[in-house]
Amino acid sequence: MSMFKTLTTAVLLVSASGFAQASKRVDVSEGDLARNLDSQLTQAAGKGFGGAVIVEVQGKLALKAGYGFANREAQVPFTADTVAQIGSITKPLTALAVLQLADQGKVDLSRPVGSYLPGAAQPAANATLHQLLTHHAGLADSCGKDFDKVSKADLLRRCMAMPLAHPPGEENYSNMGYSILAAVVEQISGQSWEQYLRAHIWEPLGMRHTGFALAGADSREFAAGYLNGQKQAVISDRLAELHGDDWNLRGNGGIQSSATDMERLYRGISGRAPEISMSVAQKMITPHERLGSDAWEGYGLAVRLDVNDKPYRIGHSGSDGVFFSYFGWLPQPDVFFYCGRKQWREGSDSDRPIGTQGDPERRRCEATE
């Protein structure tokens, strides 16, 4: 498949319909690839697409643009700095935090997670950090719905006591596993999970429009999501209503960010920004556990290998049925692309919230050829 078709498929996947939107803000557009993508996305915006896209080729921005409206009612245009939910792209950030702690010798990925979490219940306490990072701990996907009230104590004692869904060592995508990893970050660092990410990842990389709670942020910076035609509350507002009992999402989802910040994260993971240790970044993109014929679990990222066992695509997607995002890297041609968007096609089964349903959109996007 051509690079253009690969990027277009990943960015569009499903175009919305039924809304006459024509807003567009292009900050950077360089080269044929950018012009072709811009043409496709401009057409999609006329059918209701609302989102932001960044494409970087060999270290230089090729396309940085927003299409459609972040808020239909207020006619606020979507830009590359619009804050929108990134769903399960939260997981690479949690993985990065754990790997930083491992790089400092504070945790051992081969040790059971229970050795770092006093009072953690069996059987999940037996899972190693490696198994949790690669979805090979055999855990259930979740401990309830995204916005059920679950405290850290509930996670450690009730959720971790749930029977295993699969034998340890078998692949089974688990949102709960990444919540457990977030608890490890808090226990070892002495900071809240969000405080750690802000101090050690977001601020060093200049990710100024990224957060989980985002207290005090200007509501006009957020994209408004729609489900079955109805405007949805901003996820950070819903999280605030849980008063900290948000452990069904903490660590595995719920973070909001901008396309600009996602490009800054890529620069850290790819070695272009010195703020992230190369040894840590390399562990994220190393194939660790097989998913399929050419697909492997890295740490927080999925990795696809070519016939020569060289990575040709690395990435992760996220969706809750209201927003969809994809973070993708083609290391061989040295291309990065990110799309964060809202507004699924009306009436499709993608309108169903899927934050705790095994993240099937991740599998769909990673299967795209």
Protein backbone atom coordinates (compact mmCIF):
# COMPACT_ATOMS: atom_id res chain seq x y z
CA MET A 1 0.00 0.00 0.00
CA SER A 2 1.28 3.49 -0.83
CA MET A 3 2.22 5.87 1.96
CA PHE A 4 -0.60 8.21 0.93
CA LYS A 5 -3.21 5.44 1.06
CA THR A 6 -1.88 4.20 4.40
CA LEU A 7 -2.12 7.68 5.94
CA THR A 8 -5.52 8.43 4.40
CA THR A 9 -6.97 5.14 5.65
CA ALA A 10 -5.62 5.68 9.15
CA VAL A 11 -6.80 9.29 9.30
CA LEU A 12 -10.26 8.86 7.82
CA LEU A 13 -11.37 5.24 8.44
CA VAL A 14 -14.98 6.41 8.80
CA SER A 15 -16.19 9.78 7.50
CA ALA A 16 -19.13 11.43 9.18
CA SER A 17 -22.09 12.57 7.15
CA GLY A 18 -24.99 14.96 7.34
CA PHE A 19 -23.35 18.19 8.51
CA ALA A 20 -22.32 21.07 6.29
CA GLN A 21 -18.98 22.10 7.75
CA ALA A 22 -16.34 23.97 5.81
CA SER A 23 -14.04 25.44 8.46
CA LYS A 24 -10.36 24.78 7.90
CA ARG A 25 -7.15 26.08 9.44
CA VAL A 26 -3.89 24.97 7.84
CA ASP A 27 -0.73 26.02 9.68
CA VAL A 28 1.70 23.97 7.56
CA SER A 29 1.23 22.22 4.20
CA GLU A 30 4.34 21.17 2.31
CA GLY A 31 4.63 18.69 -0.57
CA ASP A 32 2.35 16.40 -2.56
CA LEU A 33 1.54 14.12 0.37
CA ALA A 34 0.25 17.06 2.41
CA ARG A 35 -1.73 18.48 -0.51
CA ASN A 36 -3.39 15.12 -1.20
CA LEU A 37 -4.32 14.60 2.44
CA ASP A 38 -5.55 18.18 2.76
CA SER A 39 -7.80 17.66 -0.27
CA GLN A 40 -9.29 14.48 1.22
CA LEU A 41 -9.83 16.04 4.64
CA THR A 42 -11.34 19.23 3.23
CA GLN A 43 -13.93 17.07 1.46
CA ALA A 44 -14.54 15.12 4.65
CA ALA A 45 -15.04 18.37 6.60
CA GLY A 46 -17.88 19.21 4.22
CA LYS A 47 -19.55 15.96 5.32
CA GLY A 48 -19.12 16.55 9.04
CA PHE A 49 -15.54 15.55 9.79
CA GLY A 50 -14.06 17.50 12.68
CA GLY A 51 -10.50 16.93 13.76
CA ALA A 52 -6.83 17.83 13.62
CA VAL A 53 -3.99 16.18 11.74
CA ILE A 54 -0.21 16.38 11.94
CA VAL A 55 2.16 14.67 9.50
CA GLU A 56 5.92 14.85 9.89
CA VAL A 57 8.28 13.52 7.21
CA GLN A 58 11.97 12.99 7.98
CA GLY A 59 11.86 15.36 10.91
CA LYS A 60 10.01 18.19 9.15
CA LEU A 61 6.35 19.11 9.41
CA ALA A 62 4.49 18.35 6.18
CA LEU A 63 0.93 18.99 7.35
CA LYS A 64 -0.41 20.65 10.47
CA ALA A 65 -4.07 21.49 10.18
CA GLY A 66 -7.54 21.44 11.69
CA TYR A 67 -10.79 20.72 9.85
CA GLY A 68 -14.42 21.31 10.70
CA PHE A 69 -15.63 22.60 14.04
CA ALA A 70 -14.46 21.68 17.52
CA ASN A 71 -17.79 23.03 18.76
CA ARG A 72 -20.68 23.18 16.30
CA GLU A 73 -22.95 25.39 18.38
CA ALA A 74 -20.30 28.02 19.03
CA GLN A 75 -18.77 27.61 15.55
CA VAL A 76 -15.30 27.17 17.09
CA PRO A 77 -12.92 25.77 14.45
CA PHE A 78 -10.85 22.65 15.10
CA THR A 79 -7.11 23.46 15.12
CA ALA A 80 -3.92 21.53 15.84
CA ASP A 81 -4.02 23.01 19.36
CA THR A 82 -7.61 21.99 20.12
CA VAL A 83 -7.78 19.75 23.19
CA ALA A 84 -9.59 16.45 22.59
CA GLN A 85 -9.73 13.07 24.22
CA ILE A 86 -7.01 10.62 23.11
CA GLY A 87 -8.53 7.50 24.68
CA SER A 88 -6.14 4.57 24.90
CA ILE A 89 -3.17 6.61 23.70
CA THR A 90 -3.08 7.24 27.44
CA LYS A 91 -1.46 3.78 27.71
CA PRO A 92 1.85 4.71 25.99
CA LEU A 93 2.18 7.57 28.48
CA THR A 94 1.68 5.21 31.44
CA ALA A 95 4.15 2.76 29.89
CA LEU A 96 6.67 5.55 29.42
CA ALA A 97 6.38 6.46 33.11
CA VAL A 98 6.94 2.85 34.22
CA LEU A 99 9.94 2.50 31.90
CA GLN A 100 11.48 5.69 33.26
CA LEU A 101 11.21 4.25 36.78
CA ALA A 102 12.75 0.98 35.56
CA ASP A 103 15.56 2.89 33.87
CA GLN A 104 16.33 4.49 37.24
CA GLY A 105 16.44 1.07 38.91
CA LYS A 106 13.33 1.76 40.98
CA VAL A 107 11.28 -1.12 39.53
CA ASP A 108 12.13 -4.41 37.84
CA LEU A 109 9.84 -5.32 34.94
CA SER A 110 10.28 -9.03 35.64
CA ARG A 111 9.00 -8.79 39.22
CA PRO A 112 5.36 -9.36 40.28
CA VAL A 113 3.38 -6.16 40.61
CA GLY A 114 2.35 -7.18 44.12
CA SER A 115 5.91 -6.57 45.29
CA TYR A 116 5.35 -2.84 44.62
CA LEU A 117 1.74 -2.54 45.81
CA PRO A 118 1.21 -3.44 49.48
CA GLY A 119 -2.14 -5.12 50.02
CA ALA A 120 -2.70 -5.90 46.33
CA ALA A 121 -4.94 -8.95 45.89
CA GLN A 122 -4.25 -12.19 44.12
CA PRO A 123 -4.38 -13.35 41.39
CA ALA A 124 -3.50 -10.05 39.67
CA ALA A 125 -0.72 -9.36 42.18
CA ASN A 126 1.22 -12.26 40.64
CA ALA A 127 1.42 -10.55 37.24
CA THR A 128 4.79 -9.10 36.33
CA LEU A 129 5.14 -5.52 35.14
CA HIS A 130 6.22 -6.93 31.77
CA GLN A 131 3.00 -8.93 31.49
CA LEU A 132 0.89 -5.90 32.38
CA LEU A 133 2.71 -3.69 29.86
CA THR A 134 2.19 -6.24 27.06
CA HIS A 135 -1.39 -7.33 27.91
CA HIS A 136 -0.17 -10.84 28.73
CA ALA A 137 -1.18 -11.02 32.39
CA GLY A 138 -4.45 -12.83 31.65
CA LEU A 139 -6.47 -10.11 33.40
CA ALA A 140 -10.04 -9.18 32.58
CA ASP A 141 -10.42 -6.12 30.40
CA SER A 142 -12.02 -3.96 33.08
CA CYS A 143 -13.55 -3.75 36.55
CA GLY A 144 -16.78 -2.12 35.40
CA LYS A 145 -17.80 0.82 33.26
CA ASP A 146 -15.57 3.81 32.64
CA PHE A 147 -17.41 6.16 35.01
CA ASP A 148 -18.23 3.70 37.78
CA LYS A 149 -16.76 4.98 41.04
CA VAL A 150 -13.65 2.89 41.73
CA SER A 151 -11.08 4.03 44.29
CA LYS A 152 -7.45 2.94 44.34
CA ALA A 153 -8.31 0.68 47.30
CA ASP A 154 -11.12 -0.86 45.24
CA LEU A 155 -8.67 -1.47 42.40
CA LEU A 156 -6.06 -3.12 44.61
CA ARG A 157 -8.38 -5.28 46.69
CA ARG A 158 -11.58 -5.93 44.74
CA CYS A 159 -10.61 -5.57 41.09
CA MET A 160 -7.28 -7.34 41.39
CA ALA A 161 -9.08 -10.22 43.13
CA MET A 162 -11.24 -10.87 40.05
CA PRO A 163 -10.68 -14.29 38.42
CA LEU A 164 -8.28 -14.30 35.50
CA ALA A 165 -9.87 -14.18 32.06
CA HIS A 166 -7.01 -16.14 30.47
CA PRO A 167 -3.96 -18.05 31.65
CA PRO A 168 -1.00 -15.76 32.39
CA GLY A 169 1.16 -15.39 29.30
CA GLU A 170 -1.78 -15.29 26.87
CA GLU A 171 -2.71 -12.12 25.02
CA ASN A 172 -5.80 -10.41 26.44
CA TYR A 173 -6.13 -6.66 26.13
CA SER A 174 -6.69 -5.21 29.58
CA ASN A 175 -7.54 -1.65 30.51
CA MET A 176 -7.40 -2.67 34.16
CA GLY A 177 -3.78 -3.77 33.74
CA TYR A 178 -2.75 -0.23 32.87
CA SER A 179 -4.67 1.17 35.84
CA ILE A 180 -2.60 -1.16 38.02
CA LEU A 181 0.56 0.20 36.37
CA ALA A 182 -0.61 3.75 37.19
CA ALA A 183 -0.90 2.68 40.82
CA VAL A 184 2.72 1.46 40.65
CA VAL A 185 3.81 4.87 39.31
CA GLU A 186 2.11 6.56 42.25
CA GLN A 187 3.50 4.14 44.85
CA ILE A 188 7.10 4.33 43.63
CA SER A 189 7.28 8.03 42.71
CA GLY A 190 5.32 9.41 45.66
CA GLN A 191 3.36 11.58 43.22
CA SER A 192 -0.06 11.16 41.71
CA TRP A 193 0.00 9.51 38.30
CA GLU A 194 -0.94 12.79 36.59
CA GLN A 195 1.61 14.80 38.58
CA TYR A 196 4.33 12.35 37.56
CA LEU A 197 3.38 12.53 33.87
CA ARG A 198 3.29 16.32 33.99
CA ALA A 199 6.66 16.69 35.73
CA HIS A 200 8.60 13.99 33.87
CA ILE A 201 7.01 13.80 30.41
CA TRP A 202 4.62 16.61 29.50
CA GLU A 203 6.53 19.62 30.82
CA PRO A 204 9.96 18.44 29.60
CA LEU A 205 8.52 17.84 26.11
CA GLY A 206 6.55 21.10 26.07
CA MET A 207 3.16 19.34 26.05
CA ARG A 208 1.15 22.29 27.39
CA HIS A 209 -2.30 21.15 26.28
CA THR A 210 -2.31 17.68 27.83
CA GLY A 211 -3.88 16.43 31.05
CA PHE A 212 -6.30 14.15 32.85
CA ALA A 213 -8.05 16.42 35.34
CA LEU A 214 -7.20 19.71 33.56
CA ALA A 215 -8.65 21.76 36.40
CA GLY A 216 -9.12 25.41 35.56
CA ALA A 217 -8.60 25.03 31.81
CA ASP A 218 -10.56 27.28 29.44
CA SER A 219 -13.56 25.28 28.21
CA ARG A 220 -13.24 26.96 24.80
CA GLU A 221 -10.02 25.00 24.23
CA PHE A 222 -11.86 21.66 24.29
CA ALA A 223 -13.51 19.86 21.41
CA ALA A 224 -17.15 18.99 22.01
CA GLY A 225 -18.05 15.39 21.32
CA TYR A 226 -21.39 14.14 20.01
CA LEU A 227 -23.03 10.76 20.49
CA ASN A 228 -26.17 9.87 18.52
CA GLY A 229 -26.46 13.56 17.67
CA GLN A 230 -26.29 14.68 21.31
CA LYS A 231 -23.52 16.89 22.65
CA GLN A 232 -21.47 15.11 25.34
CA ALA A 233 -19.84 16.52 28.45
CA VAL A 234 -16.06 17.07 28.34
CA ILE A 235 -14.48 13.97 29.85
CA SER A 236 -12.44 15.91 32.43
CA ASP A 237 -15.72 17.36 33.78
CA ARG A 238 -17.12 13.84 34.13
CA LEU A 239 -13.94 12.68 35.84
CA ALA A 240 -14.14 15.59 38.29
CA GLU A 241 -17.55 14.30 39.40
CA LEU A 242 -15.86 11.06 40.58
CA HIS A 243 -13.72 13.00 43.12
CA GLY A 244 -10.67 10.80 42.59
CA ASP A 245 -12.55 7.50 42.36
CA ASP A 246 -11.65 7.31 38.68
CA TRP A 247 -9.50 4.18 38.65
CA ASN A 248 -11.49 2.48 35.89
CA LEU A 249 -9.92 5.07 33.57
CA ARG A 250 -6.79 6.32 35.32
CA GLY A 251 -3.72 4.93 33.57
CA ASN A 252 -5.58 3.45 30.61
CA GLY A 253 -7.69 6.28 29.18
CA GLY A 254 -9.24 9.67 29.82
CA ILE A 255 -6.30 11.91 28.93
CA GLN A 256 -6.99 14.85 26.64
CA SER A 257 -4.38 16.39 24.39
CA SER A 258 -3.79 18.26 21.14
CA ALA A 259 -2.29 17.17 17.85
CA THR A 260 0.62 19.54 18.50
CA ASP A 261 1.36 17.83 21.82
CA MET A 262 1.13 14.36 20.27
CA GLU A 263 3.81 15.39 17.77
CA ARG A 264 5.97 16.48 20.70
CA LEU A 265 5.45 13.08 22.33
CA TYR A 266 6.53 11.39 19.10
CA ARG A 267 9.70 13.45 19.01
CA GLY A 268 10.50 12.20 22.50
CA ILE A 269 9.83 8.55 21.70
CA SER A 270 11.67 8.67 18.37
CA GLY A 271 14.84 10.14 19.85
CA ARG A 272 14.46 13.56 18.25
CA ALA A 273 13.96 15.23 21.63
CA PRO A 274 16.63 14.60 24.27
CA GLU A 275 14.19 14.84 27.19
CA ILE A 276 13.30 11.14 26.86
CA SER A 277 16.12 8.66 27.42
CA MET A 278 16.98 6.65 24.30
CA SER A 279 17.13 3.46 26.38
CA VAL A 280 13.57 4.08 27.55
CA ALA A 281 12.31 4.96 24.07
CA GLN A 282 13.95 1.87 22.57
CA LYS A 283 12.21 -0.42 25.05
CA MET A 284 8.83 1.03 24.05
CA ILE A 285 9.28 0.18 20.38
CA THR A 286 11.04 -3.18 20.80
CA PRO A 287 8.79 -6.17 19.95
CA HIS A 288 8.20 -8.11 23.18
CA GLU A 289 5.19 -10.42 22.74
CA ARG A 290 3.65 -11.66 19.50
CA LEU A 291 0.14 -10.53 18.56
CA GLY A 292 -0.15 -12.05 15.09
CA SER A 293 1.86 -12.98 12.03
CA ASP A 294 3.75 -9.68 11.89
CA ALA A 295 2.28 -7.80 14.87
CA TRP A 296 3.91 -7.58 18.28
CA GLU A 297 3.31 -5.85 21.56
CA GLY A 298 5.94 -3.29 22.45
CA TYR A 299 5.56 -1.51 25.77
CA GLY A 300 2.49 0.68 25.34
CA LEU A 301 2.71 0.52 21.53
CA ALA A 302 1.97 -2.09 18.89
CA VAL A 303 4.81 -2.90 16.48
CA ARG A 304 4.59 -4.48 13.02
CA LEU A 305 7.63 -6.15 11.45
CA ASP A 306 8.47 -6.67 7.77
CA VAL A 307 9.91 -9.88 6.25
CA ASN A 308 13.35 -8.82 7.48
CA ASP A 309 12.05 -8.39 11.07
CA LYS A 310 12.42 -4.61 10.86
CA PRO A 311 9.62 -2.40 12.26
CA TYR A 312 7.56 -0.83 9.49
CA ARG A 313 4.71 0.57 11.60
CA ILE A 314 4.47 1.48 15.27
CA GLY A 315 1.42 2.98 16.90
CA HIS A 316 -1.66 2.98 19.06
CA SER A 317 -5.21 4.20 18.65
CA GLY A 318 -7.87 5.27 21.08
CA SER A 319 -11.62 5.65 21.07
CA ASP A 320 -14.57 5.90 23.41
CA GLY A 321 -17.16 6.09 20.64
CA VAL A 322 -17.21 9.89 20.83
CA PHE A 323 -13.61 10.64 19.85
CA PHE A 324 -11.14 8.63 17.81
CA SER A 325 -7.39 9.17 17.70
CA TYR A 326 -4.45 7.46 16.06
CA PHE A 327 -0.74 7.87 16.82
CA GLY A 328 1.30 6.25 14.04
CA TRP A 329 4.94 6.06 13.04
CA LEU A 330 6.36 4.56 9.86
CA PRO A 331 10.06 4.25 10.81
CA GLN A 332 11.37 3.09 7.44
CA PRO A 333 10.29 6.15 5.41
CA ASP A 334 10.57 8.15 8.66
CA VAL A 335 6.98 9.42 8.76
CA PHE A 336 4.86 10.28 11.79
CA PHE A 337 1.14 10.95 11.63
CA TYR A 338 -1.48 11.77 14.20
CA CYS A 339 -5.19 12.33 13.83
CA GLY A 340 -7.56 13.29 16.62
CA ARG A 341 -11.17 13.63 15.62
CA LYS A 342 -14.79 13.50 16.69
CA GLN A 343 -18.14 12.83 15.05
CA TRP A 344 -18.53 9.26 13.88
CA ARG A 345 -20.92 8.42 11.07
CA GLU A 346 -24.46 8.76 12.37
CA GLY A 347 -26.10 5.45 13.22
CA SER A 348 -22.96 3.32 13.02
CA ASP A 349 -22.04 0.92 15.79
CA SER A 350 -19.00 3.14 16.37
CA ASP A 351 -21.40 5.47 18.19
CA ARG A 352 -21.28 2.96 21.04
CA PRO A 353 -18.89 3.92 23.86
CA ILE A 354 -16.11 1.35 23.87
CA GLY A 355 -13.68 2.62 26.46
CA THR A 356 -13.99 -0.55 28.52
CA GLN A 357 -14.78 -2.98 25.73
CA GLY A 358 -11.26 -4.18 24.90
CA ASP A 359 -10.52 -1.19 22.68
CA PRO A 360 -11.46 -2.92 19.39
CA GLU A 361 -10.57 0.21 17.40
CA ARG A 362 -6.94 -0.35 18.35
CA ARG A 363 -7.07 -3.78 16.76
CA ARG A 364 -8.91 -2.45 13.69
CA CYS A 365 -6.39 0.31 13.11
CA GLU A 366 -3.37 -1.93 13.72
CA ALA A 367 -4.78 -4.43 11.22
CA THR A 368 -4.94 -1.82 8.44
CA GLU A 369 -2.57 -2.70 5.62
